[in-house]
Amino acid sequence: MTALLSKAAVPLIAIAALAAAAALLAYLAIATVNGMVTDSRAQAMAERDSYWTGQIEKANAVASAKEAAQAQAALRIEAAASASVIEQQNQLTLRNIQNAALPSNIVSCFGLDRVQLLPD
């Protein structure tokens, strides 16, 4: 009876061993594919991050250049405005000196010389 049992058990044990080996190989194959997918995903994320980092750096460089150009334009405008204010102050001082040099009697109070000193 044990011989019969052992003859019938050998193919079952062999099939079970083959099934276990196949399951182990399938698990290892799935683990390998999963690792490749994870590596590929990490690589794709790194490439995407580096691409967008480059795009952001380009945009920042353009924005910085525009900001520098605006600052230079503001300095030019400020210098022109300062020069204009200084010129107007000089003209006012000159007119005040010319006005003070004119006679101050009532008859010449609105004379041609004094009226010509009035700003336009």
Protein backbone atom coordinates (compact mmCIF):
# COMPACT_ATOMS: atom_id res chain seq x y z
CA MET A 1 0.00 0.00 0.00
CA THR A 2 2.85 2.39 0.71
CA ALA A 3 4.33 1.59 -2.65
CA LEU A 4 1.05 2.52 -4.31
CA LEU A 5 0.82 5.69 -2.28
CA SER A 6 4.38 6.62 -3.07
CA LYS A 7 3.87 5.94 -6.81
CA ALA A 8 0.79 8.18 -6.85
CA ALA A 9 2.47 10.86 -4.69
CA VAL A 10 5.59 11.31 -6.85
CA PRO A 11 3.78 13.00 -9.78
CA LEU A 12 1.79 15.17 -7.34
CA ILE A 13 4.93 16.24 -5.53
CA ALA A 14 6.64 16.94 -8.86
CA ILE A 15 3.66 19.00 -10.06
CA ALA A 16 3.56 20.88 -6.74
CA ALA A 17 7.31 21.57 -6.97
CA LEU A 18 6.95 22.78 -10.57
CA ALA A 19 3.97 24.95 -9.59
CA ALA A 20 5.96 26.44 -6.68
CA ALA A 21 8.94 27.08 -8.98
CA ALA A 22 6.65 28.70 -11.56
CA ALA A 23 5.04 30.86 -8.86
CA LEU A 24 8.49 31.90 -7.60
CA LEU A 25 9.64 32.74 -11.13
CA ALA A 26 6.44 34.70 -11.76
CA TYR A 27 6.94 36.62 -8.50
CA LEU A 28 10.55 37.42 -9.42
CA ALA A 29 9.51 38.49 -12.92
CA ILE A 30 6.82 40.78 -11.52
CA ALA A 31 9.26 42.22 -8.98
CA THR A 32 11.80 42.87 -11.75
CA VAL A 33 9.23 44.56 -13.98
CA ASN A 34 7.98 46.57 -11.01
CA GLY A 35 11.55 47.71 -10.29
CA MET A 36 12.04 48.70 -13.93
CA VAL A 37 8.78 50.66 -13.90
CA THR A 38 9.79 52.40 -10.67
CA ASP A 39 13.20 53.28 -12.10
CA SER A 40 11.65 54.50 -15.34
CA ARG A 41 9.14 56.60 -13.42
CA ALA A 42 11.87 58.14 -11.26
CA GLN A 43 13.95 58.91 -14.35
CA ALA A 44 10.97 60.50 -16.12
CA MET A 45 10.21 62.61 -13.06
CA ALA A 46 13.85 63.74 -12.84
CA GLU A 47 13.86 64.66 -16.54
CA ARG A 48 10.59 66.57 -16.20
CA ASP A 49 11.84 68.39 -13.11
CA SER A 50 15.09 69.36 -14.81
CA TYR A 51 13.17 70.57 -17.88
CA TRP A 52 10.87 72.78 -15.84
CA THR A 53 13.75 74.00 -13.68
CA GLY A 54 15.46 75.10 -16.89
CA GLN A 55 12.30 76.81 -18.12
CA ILE A 56 11.91 78.63 -14.80
CA GLU A 57 15.55 79.73 -14.90
CA LYS A 58 15.08 81.07 -18.44
CA ALA A 59 11.94 82.95 -17.42
CA ASN A 60 13.72 84.35 -14.36
CA ALA A 61 16.63 85.51 -16.52
CA VAL A 62 14.24 87.26 -18.92
CA ALA A 63 12.38 88.87 -16.01
CA SER A 64 15.66 90.01 -14.45
CA ALA A 65 16.78 91.53 -17.74
CA LYS A 66 13.48 93.39 -18.09
CA GLU A 67 13.72 94.57 -14.48
CA ALA A 68 17.26 95.86 -15.06
CA ALA A 69 16.14 97.67 -18.22
CA GLN A 70 13.25 99.27 -16.33
CA ALA A 71 15.60 100.36 -13.54
CA GLN A 72 17.95 101.96 -16.09
CA ALA A 73 15.01 103.70 -17.76
CA ALA A 74 13.81 104.97 -14.39
CA LEU A 75 17.28 106.34 -13.64
CA ARG A 76 17.40 108.11 -17.01
CA ILE A 77 13.95 109.60 -16.42
CA GLU A 78 14.90 110.66 -12.91
CA ALA A 79 18.10 112.32 -14.17
CA ALA A 80 16.16 114.15 -16.88
CA ALA A 81 13.54 115.30 -14.35
CA SER A 82 16.25 116.47 -11.95
CA ALA A 83 17.95 118.41 -14.73
CA SER A 84 14.63 119.99 -15.68
CA VAL A 85 13.92 120.99 -12.07
CA ILE A 86 17.41 122.48 -11.71
CA GLU A 87 16.97 124.40 -14.98
CA GLN A 88 13.61 125.78 -13.86
CA GLN A 89 15.04 126.77 -10.47
CA ASN A 90 17.90 128.57 -12.24
CA GLN A 91 15.43 130.40 -14.49
CA LEU A 92 13.34 131.41 -11.47
CA THR A 93 16.40 132.66 -9.63
CA LEU A 94 17.47 134.63 -12.72
CA ARG A 95 13.98 136.17 -13.06
CA ASN A 96 13.95 137.08 -9.38
CA ILE A 97 17.34 138.79 -9.79
CA GLN A 98 16.13 140.62 -12.91
CA ASN A 99 12.91 141.60 -11.11
CA ALA A 100 14.82 142.92 -8.13
CA ALA A 101 17.00 145.01 -10.45
CA LEU A 102 13.97 146.81 -11.91
CA PRO A 103 12.80 150.06 -10.33
CA SER A 104 10.05 149.61 -7.78
CA ASN A 105 7.99 152.75 -8.20
CA ILE A 106 4.27 152.54 -8.81
CA VAL A 107 4.41 153.76 -12.41
CA SER A 108 6.76 151.06 -13.55
CA CYS A 109 5.12 148.35 -11.44
CA PHE A 110 3.47 146.83 -14.49
CA GLY A 111 5.89 148.09 -17.06
CA LEU A 112 7.00 146.22 -20.12
CA ASP A 113 10.23 145.11 -18.49
CA ARG A 114 8.44 143.57 -15.50
CA VAL A 115 5.71 141.93 -17.59
CA GLN A 116 8.33 140.30 -19.79
CA LEU A 117 9.72 138.56 -16.70
CA LEU A 118 6.42 136.77 -16.06
CA PRO A 119 6.45 133.10 -17.01
CA ASP A 120 4.55 132.14 -20.18
